[in-house]
């Protein structure tokens, strides 16, 4: 069973990974930012979006595969792609659904 420290580290890793993938393609990122900057409340909104998305991914991992050893990087890539497709105005439930789909695709 994971300790609280393990859970915090996992959460931090997921937020960092989502943030990195979200920002790795500057053209895609800039297009997304300019399209949704009013909805996001500007630049800080992107960081908030990445934090919420990382939290949902960590939660999905815990629900589906607490000891998951799947293709984690590929799942994060797929998850971020789905957020780009869906846009930023997602409910917590939708973030969780997208995360679960990405994980299941990489098991």
N, C-alpha and C. Protein backbone atom coordinates (compact mmCIF):
# COMPACT_ATOMS: atom_id res chain seq x y z
N UNK A 1 0.84 -1.18 0.00
CA UNK A 1 0.00 0.00 0.00
C UNK A 1 0.89 1.25 0.00
N UNK A 2 0.50 2.22 -0.78
CA UNK A 2 1.28 3.44 -0.90
C UNK A 2 1.12 4.30 0.36
N UNK A 3 2.23 4.89 0.77
CA UNK A 3 2.19 5.81 1.91
C UNK A 3 1.72 7.17 1.43
N UNK A 4 1.42 8.05 2.37
CA UNK A 4 1.03 9.41 2.00
C UNK A 4 2.15 10.11 1.24
N UNK A 5 3.39 9.85 1.63
CA UNK A 5 4.52 10.44 0.92
C UNK A 5 4.57 9.93 -0.52
N UNK A 6 4.38 8.64 -0.71
CA UNK A 6 4.35 8.07 -2.06
C UNK A 6 3.25 8.71 -2.90
N UNK A 7 2.08 8.91 -2.31
CA UNK A 7 0.95 9.52 -3.02
C UNK A 7 1.27 10.97 -3.41
N UNK A 8 1.93 11.70 -2.51
CA UNK A 8 2.30 13.09 -2.81
C UNK A 8 3.33 13.14 -3.94
N UNK A 9 4.29 12.24 -3.91
CA UNK A 9 5.30 12.19 -4.96
C UNK A 9 4.66 11.83 -6.29
N UNK A 10 3.75 10.85 -6.29
CA UNK A 10 3.05 10.46 -7.50
C UNK A 10 2.25 11.64 -8.07
N UNK A 11 1.57 12.37 -7.20
CA UNK A 11 0.81 13.54 -7.64
C UNK A 11 1.74 14.57 -8.27
N UNK A 12 2.85 14.84 -7.61
CA UNK A 12 3.81 15.82 -8.14
C UNK A 12 4.35 15.37 -9.50
N UNK A 13 4.66 14.09 -9.62
CA UNK A 13 5.16 13.57 -10.90
C UNK A 13 4.12 13.71 -12.00
N UNK A 14 2.87 13.45 -11.69
CA UNK A 14 1.81 13.56 -12.69
C UNK A 14 1.58 15.01 -13.11
N UNK A 15 1.58 15.93 -12.16
CA UNK A 15 1.41 17.34 -12.52
C UNK A 15 2.59 17.81 -13.35
N UNK A 16 3.79 17.44 -12.96
CA UNK A 16 4.98 17.83 -13.74
C UNK A 16 4.92 17.26 -15.15
N UNK A 17 4.53 16.00 -15.28
CA UNK A 17 4.48 15.37 -16.60
C UNK A 17 3.42 16.01 -17.49
N UNK A 18 2.24 16.24 -16.95
CA UNK A 18 1.17 16.89 -17.73
C UNK A 18 1.63 18.28 -18.16
N UNK A 19 2.23 19.02 -17.27
CA UNK A 19 2.70 20.37 -17.59
C UNK A 19 3.77 20.33 -18.68
N UNK A 20 4.71 19.41 -18.56
CA UNK A 20 5.78 19.31 -19.57
C UNK A 20 5.21 18.97 -20.94
N UNK A 21 4.34 17.97 -21.00
CA UNK A 21 3.77 17.58 -22.29
C UNK A 21 2.90 18.69 -22.84
N UNK A 22 2.16 19.35 -21.98
CA UNK A 22 1.27 20.43 -22.42
C UNK A 22 2.06 21.56 -23.08
N UNK A 23 3.28 21.81 -22.60
CA UNK A 23 4.09 22.92 -23.10
C UNK A 23 5.13 22.54 -24.14
N UNK A 24 5.27 21.25 -24.47
CA UNK A 24 6.38 20.83 -25.33
C UNK A 24 6.26 21.26 -26.78
N UNK A 25 5.06 21.44 -27.28
CA UNK A 25 4.87 21.88 -28.66
C UNK A 25 4.42 23.34 -28.62
N UNK A 26 5.34 24.25 -28.87
CA UNK A 26 5.04 25.68 -28.69
C UNK A 26 3.95 26.16 -29.65
N UNK A 27 3.89 25.63 -30.85
CA UNK A 27 2.86 26.06 -31.80
C UNK A 27 1.48 25.66 -31.30
N UNK A 28 1.36 24.42 -30.87
CA UNK A 28 0.06 23.93 -30.37
C UNK A 28 -0.33 24.67 -29.10
N UNK A 29 0.65 24.87 -28.22
CA UNK A 29 0.39 25.57 -26.96
C UNK A 29 -0.08 27.00 -27.23
N UNK A 30 0.61 27.73 -28.09
CA UNK A 30 0.25 29.12 -28.37
C UNK A 30 -1.14 29.22 -28.99
N UNK A 31 -1.46 28.31 -29.90
CA UNK A 31 -2.79 28.30 -30.51
C UNK A 31 -3.86 28.08 -29.44
N UNK A 32 -3.65 27.10 -28.58
CA UNK A 32 -4.59 26.80 -27.50
C UNK A 32 -4.73 28.01 -26.57
N UNK A 33 -3.61 28.58 -26.17
CA UNK A 33 -3.62 29.72 -25.26
C UNK A 33 -4.41 30.88 -25.85
N UNK A 34 -4.13 31.22 -27.09
CA UNK A 34 -4.82 32.37 -27.70
C UNK A 34 -6.31 32.09 -27.92
N UNK A 35 -6.64 30.84 -28.19
CA UNK A 35 -8.04 30.48 -28.39
C UNK A 35 -8.82 30.55 -27.08
N UNK A 36 -8.19 30.19 -25.96
CA UNK A 36 -8.90 30.06 -24.70
C UNK A 36 -8.42 31.01 -23.60
N UNK A 37 -7.63 32.02 -23.94
CA UNK A 37 -7.06 32.86 -22.89
C UNK A 37 -8.11 33.54 -22.02
N UNK A 38 -9.22 33.93 -22.60
CA UNK A 38 -10.26 34.57 -21.79
C UNK A 38 -10.92 33.56 -20.84
N UNK A 39 -11.13 32.35 -21.34
CA UNK A 39 -11.73 31.30 -20.49
C UNK A 39 -10.79 30.92 -19.35
N UNK A 40 -9.51 30.93 -19.64
CA UNK A 40 -8.51 30.49 -18.65
C UNK A 40 -8.12 31.59 -17.67
N UNK A 41 -8.43 32.82 -17.99
CA UNK A 41 -8.01 33.92 -17.12
C UNK A 41 -6.56 34.28 -17.33
N UNK A 42 -6.07 34.04 -18.54
CA UNK A 42 -4.68 34.38 -18.85
C UNK A 42 -3.73 33.24 -18.54
N UNK A 43 -2.46 33.59 -18.52
CA UNK A 43 -1.39 32.61 -18.35
C UNK A 43 -1.51 31.76 -17.09
N UNK A 44 -1.84 32.32 -15.92
CA UNK A 44 -1.95 31.48 -14.72
C UNK A 44 -3.00 30.37 -14.86
N UNK A 45 -3.96 30.59 -15.72
CA UNK A 45 -4.99 29.58 -15.93
C UNK A 45 -4.45 28.31 -16.54
N UNK A 46 -3.42 28.41 -17.37
CA UNK A 46 -2.79 27.23 -17.96
C UNK A 46 -2.16 26.38 -16.84
N UNK A 47 -1.51 27.03 -15.90
CA UNK A 47 -0.88 26.29 -14.80
C UNK A 47 -1.95 25.63 -13.94
N UNK A 48 -3.05 26.32 -13.73
CA UNK A 48 -4.16 25.74 -12.97
C UNK A 48 -4.72 24.52 -13.72
N UNK A 49 -4.91 24.68 -15.02
CA UNK A 49 -5.41 23.58 -15.85
C UNK A 49 -4.50 22.36 -15.74
N UNK A 50 -3.20 22.57 -15.81
CA UNK A 50 -2.24 21.47 -15.70
C UNK A 50 -2.29 20.82 -14.32
N UNK A 51 -2.47 21.63 -13.29
CA UNK A 51 -2.59 21.08 -11.93
C UNK A 51 -3.83 20.23 -11.76
N UNK A 52 -4.96 20.72 -12.24
CA UNK A 52 -6.21 19.96 -12.16
C UNK A 52 -6.10 18.67 -12.98
N UNK A 53 -5.51 18.78 -14.16
CA UNK A 53 -5.35 17.61 -15.03
C UNK A 53 -4.43 16.57 -14.39
N UNK A 54 -3.34 17.01 -13.79
CA UNK A 54 -2.42 16.10 -13.12
C UNK A 54 -3.06 15.42 -11.93
N UNK A 55 -3.86 16.15 -11.19
CA UNK A 55 -4.58 15.58 -10.06
C UNK A 55 -5.55 14.49 -10.53
N UNK A 56 -6.26 14.76 -11.61
CA UNK A 56 -7.20 13.77 -12.15
C UNK A 56 -6.47 12.53 -12.64
N UNK A 57 -5.30 12.71 -13.25
CA UNK A 57 -4.54 11.56 -13.73
C UNK A 57 -4.07 10.70 -12.56
N UNK A 58 -3.60 11.34 -11.50
CA UNK A 58 -3.17 10.60 -10.31
C UNK A 58 -4.35 9.85 -9.69
N UNK A 59 -5.50 10.49 -9.65
CA UNK A 59 -6.70 9.86 -9.09
C UNK A 59 -7.10 8.65 -9.94
N UNK A 60 -7.04 8.81 -11.27
CA UNK A 60 -7.38 7.70 -12.18
C UNK A 60 -6.42 6.53 -11.98
N UNK A 61 -5.14 6.82 -11.83
CA UNK A 61 -4.16 5.76 -11.56
C UNK A 61 -4.52 5.00 -10.29
N UNK A 62 -4.85 5.75 -9.25
CA UNK A 62 -5.19 5.13 -7.97
C UNK A 62 -6.43 4.27 -8.05
N UNK A 63 -7.41 4.70 -8.85
CA UNK A 63 -8.65 3.93 -8.99
C UNK A 63 -8.49 2.71 -9.87
N UNK A 64 -7.72 2.85 -10.94
CA UNK A 64 -7.59 1.76 -11.90
C UNK A 64 -6.44 0.81 -11.59
N UNK A 65 -5.30 1.39 -11.33
CA UNK A 65 -4.07 0.61 -11.19
C UNK A 65 -3.14 1.23 -10.16
N UNK A 66 -3.39 0.98 -8.88
CA UNK A 66 -2.53 1.58 -7.86
C UNK A 66 -1.05 1.23 -8.03
N UNK A 67 -0.77 0.04 -8.52
CA UNK A 67 0.62 -0.38 -8.72
C UNK A 67 0.93 -0.49 -10.21
N UNK A 68 0.35 0.40 -10.97
CA UNK A 68 0.44 0.35 -12.43
C UNK A 68 1.87 0.46 -12.91
N UNK A 69 2.20 -0.41 -13.83
CA UNK A 69 3.53 -0.39 -14.44
C UNK A 69 3.38 -0.37 -15.96
N UNK A 70 2.35 0.30 -16.41
CA UNK A 70 2.07 0.37 -17.84
C UNK A 70 2.93 1.42 -18.52
N UNK A 71 2.51 1.79 -19.68
CA UNK A 71 3.21 2.77 -20.49
C UNK A 71 2.82 4.17 -20.04
N UNK A 72 3.37 4.59 -18.90
CA UNK A 72 2.97 5.83 -18.24
C UNK A 72 3.17 7.05 -19.14
N UNK A 73 4.33 7.17 -19.77
CA UNK A 73 4.61 8.35 -20.60
C UNK A 73 3.63 8.43 -21.76
N UNK A 74 3.38 7.30 -22.39
CA UNK A 74 2.43 7.27 -23.49
C UNK A 74 1.03 7.64 -23.05
N UNK A 75 0.65 7.20 -21.85
CA UNK A 75 -0.67 7.54 -21.32
C UNK A 75 -0.79 9.03 -21.05
N UNK A 76 0.25 9.63 -20.50
CA UNK A 76 0.23 11.08 -20.25
C UNK A 76 0.15 11.83 -21.58
N UNK A 77 0.91 11.40 -22.58
CA UNK A 77 0.84 12.03 -23.91
C UNK A 77 -0.57 11.97 -24.47
N UNK A 78 -1.19 10.80 -24.41
CA UNK A 78 -2.56 10.63 -24.92
C UNK A 78 -3.55 11.50 -24.15
N UNK A 79 -3.36 11.56 -22.86
CA UNK A 79 -4.24 12.36 -22.00
C UNK A 79 -4.16 13.84 -22.37
N UNK A 80 -2.95 14.35 -22.51
CA UNK A 80 -2.80 15.76 -22.87
C UNK A 80 -3.38 16.03 -24.26
N UNK A 81 -3.17 15.11 -25.19
CA UNK A 81 -3.78 15.26 -26.52
C UNK A 81 -5.29 15.39 -26.41
N UNK A 82 -5.89 14.60 -25.55
CA UNK A 82 -7.35 14.66 -25.40
C UNK A 82 -7.79 15.99 -24.78
N UNK A 83 -7.00 16.55 -23.90
CA UNK A 83 -7.32 17.86 -23.31
C UNK A 83 -7.23 18.93 -24.39
N UNK A 84 -6.21 18.86 -25.23
CA UNK A 84 -6.11 19.80 -26.34
C UNK A 84 -7.34 19.70 -27.25
N UNK A 85 -7.80 18.49 -27.52
CA UNK A 85 -8.98 18.31 -28.39
C UNK A 85 -10.25 18.83 -27.73
N UNK A 86 -10.41 18.57 -26.44
CA UNK A 86 -11.64 18.91 -25.73
C UNK A 86 -11.73 20.39 -25.34
N UNK A 87 -10.58 21.01 -25.09
CA UNK A 87 -10.57 22.38 -24.61
C UNK A 87 -10.49 22.42 -23.10
N UNK A 88 -10.35 23.61 -22.53
CA UNK A 88 -10.07 23.73 -21.09
C UNK A 88 -11.30 23.69 -20.18
N UNK A 89 -12.47 23.84 -20.74
CA UNK A 89 -13.66 23.98 -19.90
C UNK A 89 -14.26 22.62 -19.57
N UNK A 90 -13.48 21.82 -18.85
CA UNK A 90 -13.88 20.46 -18.51
C UNK A 90 -14.22 20.36 -17.03
N UNK A 91 -15.19 19.53 -16.75
CA UNK A 91 -15.52 19.25 -15.34
C UNK A 91 -14.46 18.31 -14.77
N UNK A 92 -14.42 18.24 -13.46
CA UNK A 92 -13.52 17.29 -12.81
C UNK A 92 -13.79 15.87 -13.28
N UNK A 93 -15.08 15.55 -13.46
CA UNK A 93 -15.47 14.22 -13.92
C UNK A 93 -14.95 13.95 -15.33
N UNK A 94 -14.96 14.96 -16.20
CA UNK A 94 -14.48 14.78 -17.56
C UNK A 94 -12.96 14.59 -17.57
N UNK A 95 -12.24 15.37 -16.77
CA UNK A 95 -10.78 15.17 -16.65
C UNK A 95 -10.50 13.72 -16.22
N UNK A 96 -11.24 13.24 -15.23
CA UNK A 96 -11.04 11.88 -14.73
C UNK A 96 -11.36 10.85 -15.81
N UNK A 97 -12.44 11.06 -16.53
CA UNK A 97 -12.81 10.14 -17.62
C UNK A 97 -11.72 10.08 -18.69
N UNK A 98 -11.20 11.25 -19.08
CA UNK A 98 -10.15 11.28 -20.10
C UNK A 98 -8.87 10.60 -19.61
N UNK A 99 -8.56 10.80 -18.33
CA UNK A 99 -7.37 10.15 -17.76
C UNK A 99 -7.54 8.64 -17.76
N UNK A 100 -8.70 8.16 -17.36
CA UNK A 100 -8.95 6.72 -17.35
C UNK A 100 -8.86 6.13 -18.75
N UNK A 101 -9.40 6.84 -19.73
CA UNK A 101 -9.31 6.36 -21.11
C UNK A 101 -7.86 6.25 -21.55
N UNK A 102 -7.06 7.25 -21.23
CA UNK A 102 -5.65 7.24 -21.62
C UNK A 102 -4.90 6.08 -20.96
N UNK A 103 -5.18 5.83 -19.71
CA UNK A 103 -4.53 4.74 -18.98
C UNK A 103 -4.94 3.39 -19.55
N UNK A 104 -6.22 3.23 -19.79
CA UNK A 104 -6.72 1.95 -20.32
C UNK A 104 -6.13 1.65 -21.70
N UNK A 105 -5.88 2.68 -22.49
CA UNK A 105 -5.31 2.49 -23.82
C UNK A 105 -3.86 1.99 -23.75
N UNK A 106 -3.21 2.23 -22.64
CA UNK A 106 -1.78 1.90 -22.50
C UNK A 106 -1.49 0.74 -21.58
N UNK A 107 -2.52 0.06 -21.10
CA UNK A 107 -2.30 -1.07 -20.20
C UNK A 107 -1.72 -2.25 -20.94
